């Protein structure tokens, strides 16, 4: 009976991971729009889903780790508007 419960929990966690992936795609696509309210909403969705996965499925290789890897490009997003200077 415990295995069935664990399998069911894993299926639900994978559903959360799918929702997180979809929200991240929408967030990326929203960069082309001029809608800060929508981007704020998506940031909240992404944060909530990733937090739930981290709490429910901690550890390397689990869904929490997969969520963290999906979030890495968003969290470490960096755009440099600096001009390269010739140092010669």
N, C-alpha and C. Protein backbone atom coordinates (compact mmCIF):
# COMPACT_ATOMS: atom_id res chain seq x y z
N UNK A 1 0.82 -1.19 0.00
CA UNK A 1 0.00 0.00 0.00
C UNK A 1 0.87 1.26 0.00
N UNK A 2 1.99 1.25 0.72
CA UNK A 2 2.87 2.42 0.78
C UNK A 2 3.49 2.71 -0.58
N UNK A 3 3.81 1.65 -1.35
CA UNK A 3 4.39 1.85 -2.68
C UNK A 3 3.39 2.55 -3.58
N UNK A 4 2.13 2.18 -3.50
CA UNK A 4 1.09 2.81 -4.31
C UNK A 4 0.96 4.30 -3.96
N UNK A 5 1.03 4.62 -2.67
CA UNK A 5 0.97 6.01 -2.23
C UNK A 5 2.18 6.79 -2.73
N UNK A 6 3.36 6.19 -2.66
CA UNK A 6 4.58 6.85 -3.14
C UNK A 6 4.52 7.08 -4.65
N UNK A 7 4.02 6.09 -5.38
CA UNK A 7 3.88 6.24 -6.83
C UNK A 7 2.91 7.36 -7.17
N UNK A 8 1.80 7.43 -6.44
CA UNK A 8 0.80 8.48 -6.66
C UNK A 8 1.39 9.86 -6.35
N UNK A 9 2.16 9.94 -5.28
CA UNK A 9 2.80 11.20 -4.91
C UNK A 9 3.81 11.63 -5.99
N UNK A 10 4.55 10.66 -6.51
CA UNK A 10 5.52 10.97 -7.56
C UNK A 10 4.82 11.46 -8.82
N UNK A 11 3.70 10.86 -9.18
CA UNK A 11 2.93 11.30 -10.35
C UNK A 11 2.46 12.73 -10.16
N UNK A 12 1.98 13.04 -8.98
CA UNK A 12 1.53 14.41 -8.69
C UNK A 12 2.70 15.39 -8.71
N UNK A 13 3.84 14.96 -8.21
CA UNK A 13 5.03 15.81 -8.26
C UNK A 13 5.47 16.07 -9.68
N UNK A 14 5.39 15.06 -10.53
CA UNK A 14 5.74 15.24 -11.93
C UNK A 14 4.76 16.19 -12.62
N UNK A 15 3.50 16.19 -12.20
CA UNK A 15 2.53 17.15 -12.71
C UNK A 15 2.94 18.58 -12.32
N UNK A 16 3.41 18.75 -11.07
CA UNK A 16 3.91 20.06 -10.64
C UNK A 16 5.12 20.48 -11.45
N UNK A 17 6.00 19.54 -11.73
CA UNK A 17 7.19 19.85 -12.53
C UNK A 17 6.79 20.28 -13.95
N UNK A 18 5.79 19.64 -14.50
CA UNK A 18 5.28 20.03 -15.82
C UNK A 18 4.70 21.43 -15.78
N UNK A 19 3.94 21.74 -14.73
CA UNK A 19 3.40 23.10 -14.58
C UNK A 19 4.52 24.13 -14.45
N UNK A 20 5.56 23.78 -13.72
CA UNK A 20 6.71 24.67 -13.57
C UNK A 20 7.38 24.91 -14.92
N UNK A 21 7.58 23.85 -15.69
CA UNK A 21 8.18 23.98 -17.01
C UNK A 21 7.34 24.88 -17.91
N UNK A 22 6.03 24.68 -17.88
CA UNK A 22 5.13 25.51 -18.69
C UNK A 22 5.19 26.98 -18.26
N UNK A 23 5.22 27.22 -16.95
CA UNK A 23 5.28 28.60 -16.45
C UNK A 23 6.60 29.26 -16.85
N UNK A 24 7.70 28.50 -16.81
CA UNK A 24 8.99 29.05 -17.23
C UNK A 24 8.99 29.39 -18.72
N UNK A 25 8.36 28.56 -19.54
CA UNK A 25 8.26 28.85 -20.97
C UNK A 25 7.45 30.13 -21.20
N UNK A 26 6.35 30.25 -20.48
CA UNK A 26 5.51 31.44 -20.61
C UNK A 26 6.27 32.68 -20.15
N UNK A 27 7.06 32.53 -19.09
CA UNK A 27 7.86 33.66 -18.60
C UNK A 27 8.87 34.09 -19.65
N UNK A 28 9.51 33.13 -20.28
CA UNK A 28 10.48 33.45 -21.33
C UNK A 28 9.79 34.15 -22.50
N UNK A 29 8.64 33.64 -22.90
CA UNK A 29 7.89 34.24 -24.01
C UNK A 29 7.36 35.63 -23.66
N UNK A 30 7.07 35.86 -22.39
CA UNK A 30 6.51 37.14 -21.99
C UNK A 30 7.53 38.27 -22.07
N UNK A 31 8.80 37.93 -22.20
CA UNK A 31 9.84 38.95 -22.35
C UNK A 31 9.64 39.78 -23.60
N UNK A 32 8.95 39.21 -24.58
CA UNK A 32 8.68 39.94 -25.82
C UNK A 32 7.48 40.86 -25.68
N UNK A 33 6.72 40.66 -24.62
CA UNK A 33 5.54 41.50 -24.39
C UNK A 33 5.90 42.62 -23.42
N UNK A 34 5.11 43.63 -23.41
CA UNK A 34 5.33 44.72 -22.46
C UNK A 34 4.27 44.62 -21.37
N UNK A 35 4.38 43.57 -20.56
CA UNK A 35 3.37 43.32 -19.54
C UNK A 35 4.04 42.92 -18.22
N UNK A 36 4.40 43.90 -17.43
CA UNK A 36 5.09 43.62 -16.17
C UNK A 36 4.17 42.91 -15.17
N UNK A 37 2.86 43.19 -15.24
CA UNK A 37 1.92 42.51 -14.33
C UNK A 37 1.90 41.02 -14.61
N UNK A 38 1.85 40.64 -15.88
CA UNK A 38 1.83 39.23 -16.26
C UNK A 38 3.14 38.56 -15.88
N UNK A 39 4.27 39.23 -16.10
CA UNK A 39 5.57 38.66 -15.71
C UNK A 39 5.66 38.49 -14.20
N UNK A 40 5.13 39.43 -13.44
CA UNK A 40 5.12 39.31 -11.98
C UNK A 40 4.29 38.12 -11.54
N UNK A 41 3.14 37.94 -12.18
CA UNK A 41 2.29 36.80 -11.89
C UNK A 41 3.03 35.49 -12.15
N UNK A 42 3.69 35.41 -13.30
CA UNK A 42 4.42 34.20 -13.65
C UNK A 42 5.58 33.94 -12.69
N UNK A 43 6.27 35.00 -12.27
CA UNK A 43 7.35 34.83 -11.28
C UNK A 43 6.80 34.21 -10.01
N UNK A 44 5.63 34.66 -9.58
CA UNK A 44 5.00 34.10 -8.39
C UNK A 44 4.65 32.63 -8.57
N UNK A 45 4.13 32.29 -9.73
CA UNK A 45 3.78 30.90 -10.02
C UNK A 45 5.04 30.02 -10.01
N UNK A 46 6.08 30.49 -10.66
CA UNK A 46 7.33 29.74 -10.73
C UNK A 46 7.90 29.54 -9.33
N UNK A 47 7.93 30.59 -8.54
CA UNK A 47 8.47 30.50 -7.18
C UNK A 47 7.68 29.50 -6.34
N UNK A 48 6.35 29.59 -6.41
CA UNK A 48 5.51 28.68 -5.63
C UNK A 48 5.67 27.23 -6.02
N UNK A 49 5.69 26.96 -7.31
CA UNK A 49 5.85 25.58 -7.78
C UNK A 49 7.23 25.02 -7.42
N UNK A 50 8.26 25.81 -7.61
CA UNK A 50 9.61 25.35 -7.29
C UNK A 50 9.76 25.11 -5.79
N UNK A 51 9.18 25.97 -4.98
CA UNK A 51 9.25 25.79 -3.53
C UNK A 51 8.53 24.50 -3.11
N UNK A 52 7.36 24.26 -3.67
CA UNK A 52 6.62 23.03 -3.35
C UNK A 52 7.44 21.80 -3.73
N UNK A 53 8.03 21.81 -4.90
CA UNK A 53 8.84 20.66 -5.32
C UNK A 53 10.07 20.48 -4.44
N UNK A 54 10.69 21.58 -4.05
CA UNK A 54 11.88 21.48 -3.19
C UNK A 54 11.53 20.89 -1.82
N UNK A 55 10.37 21.28 -1.29
CA UNK A 55 9.96 20.78 0.02
C UNK A 55 9.51 19.33 -0.04
N UNK A 56 8.72 19.00 -1.05
CA UNK A 56 8.16 17.65 -1.15
C UNK A 56 9.14 16.62 -1.69
N UNK A 57 10.08 17.05 -2.53
CA UNK A 57 11.00 16.12 -3.18
C UNK A 57 12.44 16.61 -3.09
N UNK A 58 13.03 16.65 -1.89
CA UNK A 58 14.40 17.14 -1.75
C UNK A 58 15.41 16.09 -2.21
N UNK A 59 16.61 16.53 -2.38
CA UNK A 59 17.69 15.59 -2.66
C UNK A 59 18.09 15.56 -4.12
N UNK A 60 19.32 15.16 -4.34
CA UNK A 60 19.85 15.08 -5.69
C UNK A 60 19.07 14.06 -6.51
N UNK A 61 18.77 14.41 -7.74
CA UNK A 61 18.09 13.49 -8.64
C UNK A 61 16.59 13.46 -8.49
N UNK A 62 16.07 14.08 -7.45
CA UNK A 62 14.63 14.09 -7.25
C UNK A 62 14.01 15.30 -7.93
N UNK A 63 12.71 15.42 -7.83
CA UNK A 63 12.00 16.49 -8.52
C UNK A 63 12.42 17.87 -8.03
N UNK A 64 12.76 18.00 -6.76
CA UNK A 64 13.23 19.28 -6.24
C UNK A 64 14.52 19.71 -6.92
N UNK A 65 15.40 18.75 -7.15
CA UNK A 65 16.66 19.04 -7.83
C UNK A 65 16.40 19.41 -9.30
N UNK A 66 15.48 18.70 -9.93
CA UNK A 66 15.13 19.02 -11.32
C UNK A 66 14.54 20.42 -11.42
N UNK A 67 13.70 20.79 -10.44
CA UNK A 67 13.12 22.13 -10.42
C UNK A 67 14.21 23.18 -10.28
N UNK A 68 15.18 22.91 -9.40
CA UNK A 68 16.28 23.85 -9.21
C UNK A 68 17.08 24.04 -10.49
N UNK A 69 17.32 22.96 -11.22
CA UNK A 69 18.07 23.05 -12.46
C UNK A 69 17.29 23.83 -13.53
N UNK A 70 15.97 23.67 -13.53
CA UNK A 70 15.14 24.43 -14.47
C UNK A 70 15.18 25.93 -14.15
N UNK A 71 15.27 26.25 -12.86
CA UNK A 71 15.25 27.65 -12.43
C UNK A 71 16.58 28.36 -12.59
N UNK A 72 17.65 27.61 -12.67
CA UNK A 72 18.98 28.22 -12.70
C UNK A 72 19.12 29.31 -13.76
N UNK A 73 18.68 29.10 -15.01
CA UNK A 73 18.84 30.17 -16.00
C UNK A 73 18.03 31.43 -15.65
N UNK A 74 16.91 31.26 -14.98
CA UNK A 74 16.08 32.41 -14.61
C UNK A 74 16.70 33.17 -13.45
N UNK A 75 17.18 32.43 -12.48
CA UNK A 75 17.74 33.06 -11.27
C UNK A 75 19.06 33.75 -11.59
N UNK A 76 19.87 33.14 -12.44
CA UNK A 76 21.19 33.70 -12.75
C UNK A 76 21.18 34.54 -14.01
N UNK A 77 19.99 34.94 -14.41
CA UNK A 77 19.86 35.76 -15.61
C UNK A 77 20.70 37.02 -15.47
N UNK A 78 21.54 37.24 -16.44
CA UNK A 78 22.42 38.40 -16.38
C UNK A 78 22.61 38.93 -17.79
N UNK A 79 22.39 40.17 -17.96
CA UNK A 79 22.59 40.81 -19.25
C UNK A 79 23.59 41.94 -19.06
N UNK A 80 24.64 41.89 -19.79
CA UNK A 80 25.65 42.93 -19.70
C UNK A 80 25.49 43.90 -20.86
N UNK A 81 25.26 45.14 -20.53
CA UNK A 81 25.12 46.17 -21.56
C UNK A 81 26.44 46.93 -21.69
N UNK A 82 27.51 46.35 -21.19
CA UNK A 82 28.81 47.00 -21.22
C UNK A 82 29.41 46.89 -22.62
N UNK A 83 30.16 47.90 -22.97
CA UNK A 83 30.89 47.85 -24.23
C UNK A 83 32.28 47.30 -23.95
N UNK A 84 32.72 46.40 -24.82
CA UNK A 84 34.07 45.88 -24.64
C UNK A 84 35.07 46.97 -24.99
N UNK A 85 36.06 47.13 -24.15
CA UNK A 85 37.07 48.14 -24.41
C UNK A 85 38.36 47.46 -24.84
N UNK A 86 38.97 48.03 -25.82
CA UNK A 86 40.24 47.49 -26.30
C UNK A 86 41.33 47.87 -25.32
N UNK A 87 42.00 46.87 -24.77
CA UNK A 87 43.02 47.13 -23.75
C UNK A 87 44.43 47.08 -24.33
N UNK A 88 44.55 47.10 -25.63
CA UNK A 88 45.87 47.02 -26.26
C UNK A 88 46.59 48.33 -26.19
